[in-house]
C-alpha atoms as a PDB file:
ATOM      1  CA  MET A   1      -4.288   7.513  -7.644  1.00  0.00           C
ATOM      2  CA  SER A   2      -3.343   6.534  -4.156  1.00  0.00           C
ATOM      3  CA  ALA A   3      -3.183   2.830  -3.370  1.00  0.00           C
ATOM      4  CA  VAL A   4      -6.039   3.153  -0.756  1.00  0.00           C
ATOM      5  CA  ARG A   5      -8.347   4.814  -3.316  1.00  0.00           C
ATOM      6  CA  ALA A   6      -7.509   2.278  -5.905  1.00  0.00           C
ATOM      7  CA  LEU A   7      -8.466  -0.573  -3.323  1.00  0.00           C
ATOM      8  CA  VAL A   8     -11.657   1.138  -2.529  1.00  0.00           C
ATOM      9  CA  ASP A   9     -12.434   1.542  -6.329  1.00  0.00           C
ATOM     10  CA  LEU A  10     -11.627  -2.054  -6.867  1.00  0.00           C
ATOM     11  CA  LEU A  11     -13.875  -3.406  -4.075  1.00  0.00           C
ATOM     12  CA  ALA A  12     -16.640  -1.039  -5.332  1.00  0.00           C
ATOM     13  CA  GLY A  13     -16.301  -2.078  -8.915  1.00  0.00           C
ATOM     14  CA  ARG A  14     -15.505   1.234 -10.111  1.00  0.00           C
ATOM     15  CA  ARG A  15     -12.015   0.142 -11.442  1.00  0.00           C
ATOM     16  CA  ASP A  16     -11.089  -2.720 -13.687  1.00  0.00           C
ATOM     17  CA  ALA A  17      -8.199  -4.863 -12.221  1.00  0.00           C
ATOM     18  CA  ALA A  18      -6.665  -5.014 -15.631  1.00  0.00           C
ATOM     19  CA  SER A  19      -6.039  -1.086 -15.648  1.00  0.00           C
ATOM     20  CA  LEU A  20      -3.626  -1.415 -12.690  1.00  0.00           C
ATOM     21  CA  ALA A  21       0.087  -1.328 -13.620  1.00  0.00           C
ATOM     22  CA  PRO A  22       2.335  -4.004 -12.139  1.00  0.00           C
ATOM     23  CA  ARG A  23       3.939  -1.389  -9.769  1.00  0.00           C
ATOM     24  CA  GLU A  24       0.404  -0.387  -8.479  1.00  0.00           C
ATOM     25  CA  TRP A  25      -0.246  -3.793  -7.158  1.00  0.00           C
ATOM     26  CA  ASP A  26       2.271  -3.494  -4.581  1.00  0.00           C
ATOM     27  CA  GLY A  27       0.575  -0.589  -3.007  1.00  0.00           C
ATOM     28  CA  VAL A  28      -2.940  -1.970  -3.357  1.00  0.00           C
ATOM     29  CA  ILE A  29      -1.886  -5.333  -1.644  1.00  0.00           C
ATOM     30  CA  SER A  30       0.142  -3.565   1.149  1.00  0.00           C
ATOM     31  CA  VAL A  31      -2.943  -1.523   1.951  1.00  0.00           C
ATOM     32  CA  ALA A  32      -5.403  -4.322   1.778  1.00  0.00           C
ATOM     33  CA  ARG A  33      -3.270  -6.348   4.007  1.00  0.00           C
ATOM     34  CA  ALA A  34      -3.121  -3.473   6.548  1.00  0.00           C
ATOM     35  CA  GLU A  35      -6.927  -2.971   6.396  1.00  0.00           C
ATOM     36  CA  ALA A  36      -7.514  -6.870   6.737  1.00  0.00           C
ATOM     37  CA  LEU A  37      -9.114  -6.654   3.226  1.00  0.00           C
ATOM     38  CA  LEU A  38      -6.770  -8.835   1.333  1.00  0.00           C
ATOM     39  CA  GLY A  39      -9.023 -11.902   1.396  1.00  0.00           C
ATOM     40  CA  THR A  40     -12.037  -9.940   0.629  1.00  0.00           C
ATOM     41  CA  LEU A  41     -10.175  -8.418  -2.340  1.00  0.00           C
ATOM     42  CA  SER A  42      -9.124 -11.772  -3.479  1.00  0.00           C
ATOM     43  CA  VAL A  43     -12.615 -12.913  -3.630  1.00  0.00           C
ATOM     44  CA  ARG A  44     -13.930  -9.693  -5.180  1.00  0.00           C
ATOM     45  CA  LEU A  45     -11.512 -10.244  -8.019  1.00  0.00           C
ATOM     46  CA  GLU A  46     -11.856 -13.892  -8.445  1.00  0.00           C
ATOM     47  CA  GLY A  47     -11.859 -14.475 -12.226  1.00  0.00           C
ATOM     48  CA  ALA A  48     -10.353 -11.131 -13.233  1.00  0.00           C
ATOM     49  CA  ALA A  49      -7.432 -10.700 -15.408  1.00  0.00           C
ATOM     50  CA  LEU A  50      -4.440 -10.411 -12.920  1.00  0.00           C
ATOM     51  CA  PRO A  51      -0.769 -10.588 -13.041  1.00  0.00           C
ATOM     52  CA  ALA A  52       0.374 -14.232 -12.384  1.00  0.00           C
ATOM     53  CA  PRO A  53       1.893 -13.499  -9.016  1.00  0.00           C
ATOM     54  CA  VAL A  54      -1.177 -11.478  -7.868  1.00  0.00           C
ATOM     55  CA  ALA A  55      -3.449 -14.250  -9.058  1.00  0.00           C
ATOM     56  CA  ALA A  56      -1.382 -16.832  -7.114  1.00  0.00           C
ATOM     57  CA  LEU A  57      -1.429 -14.689  -3.947  1.00  0.00           C
ATOM     58  CA  PHE A  58      -5.210 -14.297  -4.038  1.00  0.00           C
ATOM     59  CA  ALA A  59      -5.741 -17.936  -4.624  1.00  0.00           C
ATOM     60  CA  ASP A  60      -3.777 -18.465  -1.389  1.00  0.00           C
ATOM     61  CA  GLN A  61      -5.812 -15.940   0.219  1.00  0.00           C
ATOM     62  CA  ARG A  62      -9.121 -17.422  -0.695  1.00  0.00           C
ATOM     63  CA  ALA A  63      -7.903 -20.930   0.414  1.00  0.00           C
ATOM     64  CA  ALA A  64      -6.706 -19.470   3.886  1.00  0.00           C
ATOM     65  CA  ALA A  65      -9.959 -17.642   4.368  1.00  0.00           C
ATOM     66  CA  GLU A  66     -12.054 -20.803   3.923  1.00  0.00           C
ATOM     67  CA  ILE A  67      -9.867 -22.592   6.526  1.00  0.00           C
ATOM     68  CA  ALA A  68     -10.079 -19.746   8.786  1.00  0.00           C
ATOM     69  CA  GLN A  69     -13.888 -19.715   8.734  1.00  0.00           C
ATOM     70  CA  ARG A  70     -14.065 -23.364   9.346  1.00  0.00           C
ATOM     71  CA  GLN A  71     -11.728 -22.761  12.325  1.00  0.00           C
ATOM     72  CA  ALA A  72     -13.827 -19.876  13.681  1.00  0.00           C
ATOM     73  CA  LEU A  73     -17.236 -21.871  13.362  1.00  0.00           C
ATOM     74  CA  TRP A  74     -15.537 -24.808  15.106  1.00  0.00           C
ATOM     75  CA  GLU A  75     -14.257 -22.405  17.950  1.00  0.00           C
ATOM     76  CA  ALA A  76     -18.054 -21.290  18.325  1.00  0.00           C
ATOM     77  CA  GLU A  77     -19.080 -24.925  18.593  1.00  0.00           C
ATOM     78  CA  MET A  78     -16.331 -25.392  21.313  1.00  0.00           C
ATOM     79  CA  ALA A  79     -17.843 -22.527  23.133  1.00  0.00           C
ATOM     80  CA  ARG A  80     -21.191 -23.897  22.766  1.00  0.00           C
ATOM     81  CA  ARG A  81     -19.990 -27.323  24.296  1.00  0.00           C
ATOM     82  CA  ALA A  82     -18.412 -25.588  27.158  1.00  0.00           C
ATOM     83  CA  LEU A  83     -21.383 -23.444  28.104  1.00  0.00           C
ATOM     84  CA  ALA A  84     -24.258 -24.955  29.828  1.00  0.00           C
ATOM     85  CA  GLU A  85     -27.033 -26.463  27.519  1.00  0.00           C
ATOM     86  CA  ASP A  86     -29.466 -23.741  28.689  1.00  0.00           C
ATOM     87  CA  ALA A  87     -26.992 -20.957  28.267  1.00  0.00           C
ATOM     88  CA  GLU A  88     -28.133 -18.400  25.892  1.00  0.00           C
ATOM     89  CA  PHE A  89     -25.488 -16.657  23.607  1.00  0.00           C
ATOM     90  CA  VAL A  90     -25.374 -14.920  20.431  1.00  0.00           C
ATOM     91  CA  LEU A  91     -22.503 -14.872  17.948  1.00  0.00           C
ATOM     92  CA  LEU A  92     -21.264 -11.374  16.930  1.00  0.00           C
ATOM     93  CA  LYS A  93     -19.085  -9.925  14.141  1.00  0.00           C
ATOM     94  CA  GLY A  94     -17.210 -12.190  11.874  1.00  0.00           C
ATOM     95  CA  THR A  95     -18.201 -15.433  13.133  1.00  0.00           C
ATOM     96  CA  ALA A  96     -21.726 -14.486  13.082  1.00  0.00           C
ATOM     97  CA  TYR A  97     -21.425 -13.465   9.389  1.00  0.00           C
ATOM     98  CA  ALA A  98     -19.987 -16.807   8.555  1.00  0.00           C
ATOM     99  CA  ALA A  99     -22.582 -18.650  10.404  1.00  0.00           C
ATOM    100  CA  ALA A 100     -25.320 -16.755   8.778  1.00  0.00           C
ATOM    101  CA  GLY A 101     -23.818 -17.083   5.331  1.00  0.00           C
ATOM    102  CA  LEU A 102     -23.761 -13.320   4.575  1.00  0.00           C
ATOM    103  CA  SER A 103     -21.757 -12.067   1.708  1.00  0.00           C
ATOM    104  CA  CYS A 104     -19.343 -10.109   3.956  1.00  0.00           C
ATOM    105  CA  ALA A 105     -18.085 -13.238   5.262  1.00  0.00           C
ATOM    106  CA  ARG A 106     -16.592 -14.331   1.837  1.00  0.00           C
ATOM    107  CA  GLY A 107     -12.713 -13.941   2.126  1.00  0.00           C
ATOM    108  CA  ARG A 108     -13.135 -12.252   5.522  1.00  0.00           C
ATOM    109  CA  GLN A 109     -10.405 -12.583   8.064  1.00  0.00           C
ATOM    110  CA  ILE A 110     -11.875 -13.690  11.390  1.00  0.00           C
ATOM    111  CA  GLY A 111      -9.880 -13.256  14.460  1.00  0.00           C
ATOM    112  CA  ASP A 112     -11.303 -13.617  18.000  1.00  0.00           C
ATOM    113  CA  LEU A 113     -14.612 -15.274  18.649  1.00  0.00           C
ATOM    114  CA  ASP A 114     -17.117 -12.607  19.930  1.00  0.00           C
ATOM    115  CA  ILE A 115     -20.336 -13.822  21.717  1.00  0.00           C
ATOM    116  CA  LEU A 116     -23.199 -11.951  23.708  1.00  0.00           C
ATOM    117  CA  VAL A 117     -24.534 -13.192  26.877  1.00  0.00           C
ATOM    118  CA  PRO A 118     -27.324 -11.656  28.849  1.00  0.00           C
ATOM    119  CA  TRP A 119     -25.952  -9.855  31.920  1.00  0.00           C
ATOM    120  CA  HIS A 120     -27.640 -12.193  34.328  1.00  0.00           C
ATOM    121  CA  ASP A 121     -25.748 -15.110  32.818  1.00  0.00           C
ATOM    122  CA  ILE A 122     -22.358 -13.519  32.543  1.00  0.00           C
ATOM    123  CA  GLY A 123     -20.990 -15.004  35.793  1.00  0.00           C
ATOM    124  CA  ARG A 124     -22.093 -18.505  34.945  1.00  0.00           C
ATOM    125  CA  ALA A 125     -20.659 -18.147  31.446  1.00  0.00           C
ATOM    126  CA  GLU A 126     -17.450 -16.914  32.721  1.00  0.00           C
ATOM    127  CA  ASN A 127     -16.951 -19.869  35.164  1.00  0.00           C
ATOM    128  CA  GLU A 128     -18.004 -22.444  32.476  1.00  0.00           C
ATOM    129  CA  LEU A 129     -15.385 -21.211  29.939  1.00  0.00           C
ATOM    130  CA  LEU A 130     -12.712 -21.223  32.669  1.00  0.00           C
ATOM    131  CA  GLU A 131     -13.655 -24.871  33.543  1.00  0.00           C
ATOM    132  CA  GLY A 132     -13.533 -25.628  29.712  1.00  0.00           C
ATOM    133  CA  GLY A 133      -9.898 -24.686  29.286  1.00  0.00           C
ATOM    134  CA  TRP A 134      -9.954 -20.907  28.602  1.00  0.00           C
ATOM    135  CA  GLU A 135      -7.691 -18.663  30.703  1.00  0.00           C
ATOM    136  CA  TRP A 136      -7.218 -14.881  31.190  1.00  0.00           C
ATOM    137  CA  VAL A 137      -5.203 -13.023  28.708  1.00  0.00           C
ATOM    138  CA  LYS A 138      -4.915  -9.972  31.096  1.00  0.00           C
ATOM    139  CA  PRO A 139      -4.400 -11.208  34.721  1.00  0.00           C
ATOM    140  CA  ASP A 140      -3.448  -7.676  35.880  1.00  0.00           C
ATOM    141  CA  PRO A 141      -5.754  -6.493  38.777  1.00  0.00           C
ATOM    142  CA  TYR A 142      -6.258  -2.970  37.383  1.00  0.00           C
ATOM    143  CA  ASP A 143      -7.187  -4.249  33.835  1.00  0.00           C
ATOM    144  CA  ASP A 144      -9.429  -6.763  35.258  1.00  0.00           C
ATOM    145  CA  ALA A 145     -11.330  -4.236  37.377  1.00  0.00           C
ATOM    146  CA  TYR A 146     -11.491  -1.828  34.430  1.00  0.00           C
ATOM    147  CA  TYR A 147     -13.079  -4.384  32.221  1.00  0.00           C
ATOM    148  CA  ARG A 148     -15.523  -5.583  34.768  1.00  0.00           C
ATOM    149  CA  ASP A 149     -16.624  -1.995  35.905  1.00  0.00           C
ATOM    150  CA  HIS A 150     -16.490   0.021  32.828  1.00  0.00           C
ATOM    151  CA  MET A 151     -16.544  -2.113  29.605  1.00  0.00           C
ATOM    152  CA  HIS A 152     -19.120  -4.006  27.596  1.00  0.00           C
ATOM    153  CA  GLU A 153     -17.306  -7.397  27.938  1.00  0.00           C
ATOM    154  CA  LEU A 154     -15.228  -9.720  30.312  1.00  0.00           C
ATOM    155  CA  PRO A 155     -11.581  -9.406  30.065  1.00  0.00           C
ATOM    156  CA  PRO A 156     -10.466 -11.317  27.151  1.00  0.00           C
ATOM    157  CA  LEU A 157      -9.925 -15.081  27.451  1.00  0.00           C
ATOM    158  CA  ILE A 158      -7.832 -17.570  25.534  1.00  0.00           C
ATOM    159  CA  HIS A 159      -8.034 -21.300  25.214  1.00  0.00           C
ATOM    160  CA  LYS A 160      -4.707 -22.831  26.690  1.00  0.00           C
ATOM    161  CA  ALA A 161      -4.730 -25.675  24.123  1.00  0.00           C
ATOM    162  CA  ARG A 162      -6.099 -24.116  20.968  1.00  0.00           C
ATOM    163  CA  ASP A 163      -4.556 -20.639  21.453  1.00  0.00           C
ATOM    164  CA  ARG A 164      -7.954 -18.973  20.271  1.00  0.00           C
ATOM    165  CA  MET A 165      -9.368 -15.945  22.010  1.00  0.00           C
ATOM    166  CA  ILE A 166     -12.900 -15.338  23.108  1.00  0.00           C
ATOM    167  CA  ASP A 167     -14.560 -12.102  23.896  1.00  0.00           C
ATOM    168  CA  VAL A 168     -17.645 -12.435  26.208  1.00  0.00           C
ATOM    169  CA  HIS A 169     -19.936  -9.403  25.721  1.00  0.00           C
ATOM    170  CA  HIS A 170     -22.954  -8.536  27.814  1.00  0.00           C
ATOM    171  CA  THR A 171     -23.779  -5.435  25.690  1.00  0.00           C
ATOM    172  CA  ILE A 172     -22.147  -3.811  22.514  1.00  0.00           C
ATOM    173  CA  LEU A 173     -20.829  -0.717  23.980  1.00  0.00           C
ATOM    174  CA  PRO A 174     -18.830   0.182  27.132  1.00  0.00           C
ATOM    175  CA  ARG A 175     -21.093   0.674  30.199  1.00  0.00           C
ATOM    176  CA  THR A 176     -19.727   4.270  30.590  1.00  0.00           C
ATOM    177  CA  HIS A 177     -20.458   5.130  26.929  1.00  0.00           C
ATOM    178  CA  ARG A 178     -22.714   8.053  26.248  1.00  0.00           C
ATOM    179  CA  LYS A 179     -24.610   5.636  23.986  1.00  0.00           C
ATOM    180  CA  THR A 180     -26.709   2.878  25.696  1.00  0.00           C
ATOM    181  CA  PRO A 181     -28.089   0.211  23.331  1.00  0.00           C
ATOM    182  CA  ASP A 182     -30.501  -2.179  24.674  1.00  0.00           C
ATOM    183  CA  PRO A 183     -28.870  -5.570  25.278  1.00  0.00           C
ATOM    184  CA  LEU A 184     -31.959  -7.326  26.351  1.00  0.00           C
ATOM    185  CA  ALA A 185     -33.605  -6.376  23.062  1.00  0.00           C
ATOM    186  CA  LEU A 186     -30.519  -7.548  21.009  1.00  0.00           C
ATOM    187  CA  VAL A 187     -30.720 -11.099  22.717  1.00  0.00           C
ATOM    188  CA  ALA A 188     -34.490 -11.253  22.606  1.00  0.00           C
ATOM    189  CA  ASP A 189     -34.743 -10.640  18.905  1.00  0.00           C
ATOM    190  CA  ALA A 190     -31.790 -12.726  17.795  1.00  0.00           C
ATOM    191  CA  VAL A 191     -32.512 -15.279  15.024  1.00  0.00           C
ATOM    192  CA  PRO A 192     -31.172 -18.823  14.551  1.00  0.00           C
ATOM    193  CA  THR A 193     -28.951 -19.949  11.547  1.00  0.00           C
ATOM    194  CA  THR A 194     -29.183 -23.290   9.833  1.00  0.00           C
ATOM    195  CA  SER A 195     -26.208 -24.453  11.953  1.00  0.00           C
ATOM    196  CA  GLY A 196     -27.969 -23.873  15.162  1.00  0.00           C
ATOM    197  CA  PHE A 197     -26.382 -20.688  16.315  1.00  0.00           C
ATOM    198  CA  ALA A 198     -28.107 -17.564  17.195  1.00  0.00           C
ATOM    199  CA  VAL A 199     -26.958 -14.401  15.646  1.00  0.00           C
ATOM    200  CA  LEU A 200     -28.474 -10.803  15.829  1.00  0.00           C
ATOM    201  CA  CYS A 201     -31.452 -10.036  13.641  1.00  0.00           C
ATOM    202  CA  PRO A 202     -30.623  -7.928  10.421  1.00  0.00           C
ATOM    203  CA  ILE A 203     -31.428  -4.593  11.869  1.00  0.00           C
ATOM    204  CA  ASP A 204     -29.423  -5.095  15.093  1.00  0.00           C
ATOM    205  CA  MET A 205     -26.517  -6.637  13.050  1.00  0.00           C
ATOM    206  CA  ALA A 206     -26.350  -3.471  10.917  1.00  0.00           C
ATOM    207  CA  CYS A 207     -26.755  -1.302  14.156  1.00  0.00           C
ATOM    208  CA  HIS A 208     -23.940  -3.195  15.764  1.00  0.00           C
ATOM    209  CA  CYS A 209     -21.757  -2.857  12.767  1.00  0.00           C
ATOM    210  CA  ALA A 210     -22.164   0.803  12.676  1.00  0.00           C
ATOM    211  CA  ALA A 211     -21.545   1.185  16.510  1.00  0.00           C
ATOM    212  CA  HIS A 212     -18.424  -0.834  16.449  1.00  0.00           C
ATOM    213  CA  MET A 213     -17.134   1.336  13.672  1.00  0.00           C
ATOM    214  CA  LEU A 214     -18.138   4.791  14.787  1.00  0.00           C
ATOM    215  CA  ALA A 215     -18.845   4.718  18.362  1.00  0.00           C
ATOM    216  CA  ASP A 216     -16.403   2.182  19.797  1.00  0.00           C
ATOM    217  CA  GLY A 217     -12.842   3.114  18.504  1.00  0.00           C
ATOM    218  CA  ASP A 218     -10.793   5.363  16.493  1.00  0.00           C
ATOM    219  CA  LEU A 219     -11.722   3.954  13.002  1.00  0.00           C
ATOM    220  CA  GLN A 220      -8.762   1.762  12.903  1.00  0.00           C
ATOM    221  CA  GLY A 221      -9.728  -1.009  10.485  1.00  0.00           C
ATOM    222  CA  GLY A 222     -12.651   1.001   9.433  1.00  0.00           C
ATOM    223  CA  LEU A 223     -12.457   0.188   5.735  1.00  0.00           C
ATOM    224  CA  ARG A 224     -13.249  -3.367   6.676  1.00  0.00           C
ATOM    225  CA  ASN A 225     -16.058  -2.566   9.029  1.00  0.00           C
ATOM    226  CA  LEU A 226     -17.574  -0.209   6.443  1.00  0.00           C
ATOM    227  CA  TRP A 227     -17.319  -3.010   3.656  1.00  0.00           C
ATOM    228  CA  ASP A 228     -19.385  -5.179   6.425  1.00  0.00           C
ATOM    229  CA  PHE A 229     -21.996  -2.556   6.480  1.00  0.00           C
ATOM    230  CA  HIS A 230     -22.166  -2.156   2.828  1.00  0.00           C
ATOM    231  CA  CYS A 231     -22.581  -5.884   2.244  1.00  0.00           C
ATOM    232  CA  LEU A 232     -25.069  -6.238   5.055  1.00  0.00           C
ATOM    233  CA  ALA A 233     -27.138  -3.551   3.533  1.00  0.00           C
ATOM    234  CA  GLY A 234     -27.158  -5.196   0.280  1.00  0.00           C
ATOM    235  CA  ASP A 235     -28.091  -8.670   1.714  1.00  0.00           C
ATOM    236  CA  PHE A 236     -30.828  -7.395   3.770  1.00  0.00           C
ATOM    237  CA  VAL A 237     -32.436  -4.975   1.447  1.00  0.00           C
ATOM    238  CA  ALA A 238     -32.463  -7.811  -1.055  1.00  0.00           C
ATOM    239  CA  ALA A 239     -34.511  -9.950   1.429  1.00  0.00           C
ATOM    240  CA  ASP A 240     -36.562  -7.108   2.831  1.00  0.00           C
ATOM    241  CA  ALA A 241     -37.643  -4.012   0.918  1.00  0.00           C
ATOM    242  CA  GLY A 242     -38.548  -2.211   4.154  1.00  0.00           C
ATOM    243  CA  PHE A 243     -35.180  -2.754   5.718  1.00  0.00           C
ATOM    244  CA  TRP A 244     -33.949   0.862   5.780  1.00  0.00           C
ATOM    245  CA  GLY A 245     -37.354   1.913   7.533  1.00  0.00           C
ATOM    246  CA  ARG A 246     -37.107  -0.791  10.111  1.00  0.00           C
ATOM    247  CA  LEU A 247     -33.299   0.025  10.576  1.00  0.00           C
ATOM    248  CA  ASP A 248     -33.941   3.818  11.114  1.00  0.00           C
ATOM    249  CA  ALA A 249     -36.508   2.784  13.862  1.00  0.00           C
ATOM    250  CA  ARG A 250     -34.202   0.284  15.476  1.00  0.00           C
ATOM    251  CA  ALA A 251     -31.233   2.568  15.475  1.00  0.00           C
ATOM    252  CA  ALA A 252     -33.467   5.302  17.241  1.00  0.00           C
ATOM    253  CA  LYS A 253     -34.177   2.587  19.737  1.00  0.00           C
ATOM    254  CA  HIS A 254     -30.605   1.761  20.527  1.00  0.00           C
ATOM    255  CA  GLY A 255     -29.538   5.520  20.572  1.00  0.00           C
ATOM    256  CA  LEU A 256     -27.470   4.931  17.444  1.00  0.00           C
ATOM    257  CA  ARG A 257     -29.323   6.734  14.724  1.00  0.00           C
ATOM    258  CA  VAL A 258     -26.431   9.242  14.141  1.00  0.00           C
ATOM    259  CA  GLU A 259     -23.892   6.428  13.849  1.00  0.00           C
ATOM    260  CA  VAL A 260     -26.187   4.127  11.500  1.00  0.00           C
ATOM    261  CA  ARG A 261     -26.948   7.010   9.339  1.00  0.00           C
ATOM    262  CA  ARG A 262     -23.423   8.137   9.004  1.00  0.00           C
ATOM    263  CA  ALA A 263     -22.241   4.565   8.229  1.00  0.00           C
ATOM    264  CA  ALA A 264     -24.780   4.423   5.440  1.00  0.00           C
ATOM    265  CA  ARG A 265     -23.537   7.820   4.093  1.00  0.00           C
ATOM    266  CA  LEU A 266     -19.778   6.659   4.262  1.00  0.00           C
ATOM    267  CA  ALA A 267     -20.662   3.365   2.480  1.00  0.00           C
ATOM    268  CA  ARG A 268     -22.356   5.286  -0.255  1.00  0.00           C
ATOM    269  CA  ASP A 269     -19.390   7.588  -0.765  1.00  0.00           C
ATOM    270  CA  LEU A 270     -16.715   4.854  -0.680  1.00  0.00           C
ATOM    271  CA  TYR A 271     -18.423   1.592  -1.864  1.00  0.00           C
ATOM    272  CA  GLY A 272     -21.464   2.932  -3.697  1.00  0.00           C
ATOM    273  CA  THR A 273     -24.333   1.699  -1.432  1.00  0.00           C
ATOM    274  CA  THR A 274     -27.701   2.554  -2.660  1.00  0.00           C
ATOM    275  CA  LEU A 275     -29.602   4.498  -0.179  1.00  0.00           C
ATOM    276  CA  PRO A 276     -33.371   5.474   0.004  1.00  0.00           C
ATOM    277  CA  SER A 277     -34.884   8.684  -0.081  1.00  0.00           C
ATOM    278  CA  GLY A 278     -34.272  10.680   3.186  1.00  0.00           C
ATOM    279  CA  TRP A 279     -30.859   8.905   3.812  1.00  0.00           C
ATOM    280  CA  ASP A 280     -29.051  10.065   0.585  1.00  0.00           C
ATOM    281  CA  ARG A 281     -28.100  13.408   1.657  1.00  0.00           C
ATOM    282  CA  HIS A 282     -24.639  15.006   2.486  1.00  0.00           C
ATOM    283  CA  ASP A 283     -23.177  15.938   5.792  1.00  0.00           C
ATOM    284  CA  PRO A 284     -20.193  18.240   5.781  1.00  0.00           C
ATOM    285  CA  GLY A 285     -18.872  16.499   8.826  1.00  0.00           C
ATOM    286  CA  ASP A 286     -18.494  13.188   7.044  1.00  0.00           C
ATOM    287  CA  ARG A 287     -15.323  14.452   5.219  1.00  0.00           C
ATOM    288  CA  TRP A 288     -13.367  14.006   8.269  1.00  0.00           C
ATOM    289  CA  TYR A 289     -14.481  10.372   8.518  1.00  0.00           C
ATOM    290  CA  ARG A 290     -13.652   9.746   5.032  1.00  0.00           C
ATOM    291  CA  ARG A 291     -10.143  11.264   5.530  1.00  0.00           C
ATOM    292  CA  ARG A 292      -9.659   9.238   8.560  1.00  0.00           C
ATOM    293  CA  LEU A 293     -10.694   5.898   6.603  1.00  0.00           C
ATOM    294  CA  LEU A 294      -8.293   6.707   3.821  1.00  0.00           C
ATOM    295  CA  ALA A 295      -5.393   7.532   5.963  1.00  0.00           C
ATOM    296  CA  ARG A 296      -2.925   5.005   4.472  1.00  0.00           C
ATOM    297  CA  ASP A 297       0.200   5.817   2.429  1.00  0.00           C
ATOM    298  CA  ASN A 298       1.059   3.691  -0.726  1.00  0.00           C
ATOM    299  CA  TRP A 299       2.949   1.075   1.336  1.00  0.00           C
ATOM    300  CA  GLY A 300      -0.068   0.431   3.822  1.00  0.00           C
ATOM    301  CA  GLY A 301       1.552   2.619   6.595  1.00  0.00           C
ATOM    302  CA  ALA A 302      -0.682   5.057   8.794  1.00  0.00           C
ATOM    303  CA  SER A 303      -0.698   8.624   7.576  1.00  0.00           C
ATOM    304  CA  ASP A 304      -2.374  11.724   8.729  1.00  0.00           C
ATOM    305  CA  PHE A 305      -1.096  11.419  12.232  1.00  0.00           C
ATOM    306  CA  LEU A 306      -2.710  14.445  13.728  1.00  0.00           C
ATOM    307  CA  LEU A 307      -6.204  13.399  12.395  1.00  0.00           C
ATOM    308  CA  GLN A 308      -5.653   9.881  13.655  1.00  0.00           C
ATOM    309  CA  GLN A 309      -4.712  11.115  17.142  1.00  0.00           C
ATOM    310  CA  ALA A 310      -7.924  13.442  17.069  1.00  0.00           C
ATOM    311  CA  PHE A 311     -10.043  10.383  16.387  1.00  0.00           C
ATOM    312  CA  TYR A 312      -8.101   8.330  19.064  1.00  0.00           C
ATOM    313  CA  ILE A 313      -8.912  11.214  21.733  1.00  0.00           C
ATOM    314  CA  ARG A 314     -12.641  11.134  20.394  1.00  0.00           C
ATOM    315  CA  SER A 315     -12.963   7.426  21.022  1.00  0.00           C
ATOM    316  CA  HIS A 316     -11.902   7.761  24.569  1.00  0.00           C
ATOM    317  CA  TRP A 317     -14.019  10.885  25.236  1.00  0.00           C
ATOM    318  CA  LEU A 318     -17.072   8.852  23.972  1.00  0.00           C
ATOM    319  CA  ARG A 319     -16.337   5.942  26.086  1.00  0.00           C
ATOM    320  CA  MET A 320     -15.880   7.851  29.521  1.00  0.00           C
ATOM    321  CA  PRO A 321     -16.990  10.890  31.200  1.00  0.00           C
ATOM    322  CA  PRO A 322     -14.114  13.405  31.633  1.00  0.00           C
ATOM    323  CA  ALA A 323     -13.147  12.882  35.097  1.00  0.00           C
ATOM    324  CA  MET A 324     -13.153   8.989  34.803  1.00  0.00           C
ATOM    325  CA  LEU A 325     -11.070   9.255  31.568  1.00  0.00           C
ATOM    326  CA  ALA A 326      -8.476  11.440  33.263  1.00  0.00           C
ATOM    327  CA  ARG A 327      -8.001   8.994  36.078  1.00  0.00           C
ATOM    328  CA  HIS A 328      -7.697   6.131  33.556  1.00  0.00           C
ATOM    329  CA  LEU A 329      -5.185   7.656  31.461  1.00  0.00           C
ATOM    330  CA  TRP A 330      -3.269   8.906  34.482  1.00  0.00           C
ATOM    331  CA  THR A 331      -3.089   5.285  35.871  1.00  0.00           C
ATOM    332  CA  LYS A 332      -2.138   3.826  32.484  1.00  0.00           C
ATOM    333  CA  TRP A 333       0.659   6.328  32.077  1.00  0.00           C
ATOM    334  CA  ARG A 334       1.945   5.791  35.656  1.00  0.00           C
ATOM    335  CA  ARG A 335       1.875   2.061  35.195  1.00  0.00           C
ATOM    336  CA  ARG A 336       3.942   2.368  31.984  1.00  0.00           C
END
């Protein structure tokens, strides 16, 4: 069995950790590290019978993940203090999962701080963050104009003292994307956490997770995003028996029904997510997505180069109309 398949089976609970030979652990750990799932795997296998070196590594990973989550939540607090008291923002992605206490946050690596700010407040938020110690990561004029004219976020900012990045979104997909989720609805229906932060409501959080994985990139890191979706579905169904029906209606509102349903099927296929009647069908096209998600060799390196290139081209095709894409790629090629 390939290392990436073994990783998926361990996460899904289909394989006992004790069944792995010592040499197999090298591949599983390499793939988990490449997919940013090593901390998640360490939590998933806490208490399992593991070789001593693996157990020690996993204990370190769990400790590091706890520290990283505290740092992420502290960075969110610093952003809240930098923004005006009446500024409205919503946490997104990993920091949102941690703030909401969701199961996918356990062991999860959290990188940049992602926040969603209403479009009418984006200029004020930008100025207040700059005054609060953040500065531009990409001062290049072309990149700056590209972000402002075409993307769903400001150019990335980094804090000059803490060296932590923040991505300030005004919607969840590029402005030129073929899909146009409703950003006002995302903010209006956000819900508070016990720590006082706002996060997307459950159905919007699942929609964003699916969109981020399937409509806003080439599926690099897709196994982690798919694990997020699997865990979110489990958490939300446990709290709301009507979750799937509400999710379907919300996905349709955002124009993301295809992506949400595909994410659900892929989560079922790889992680064993239980789907309701009407969702639990098979789509022949999903096999290409499964192949892309599993495109790792036994050392964690990328494999299936042609398929990865096809998904890379697809990601740009979704983001921009053809003429705009051609101009952008030509400009980037000349600048290199």
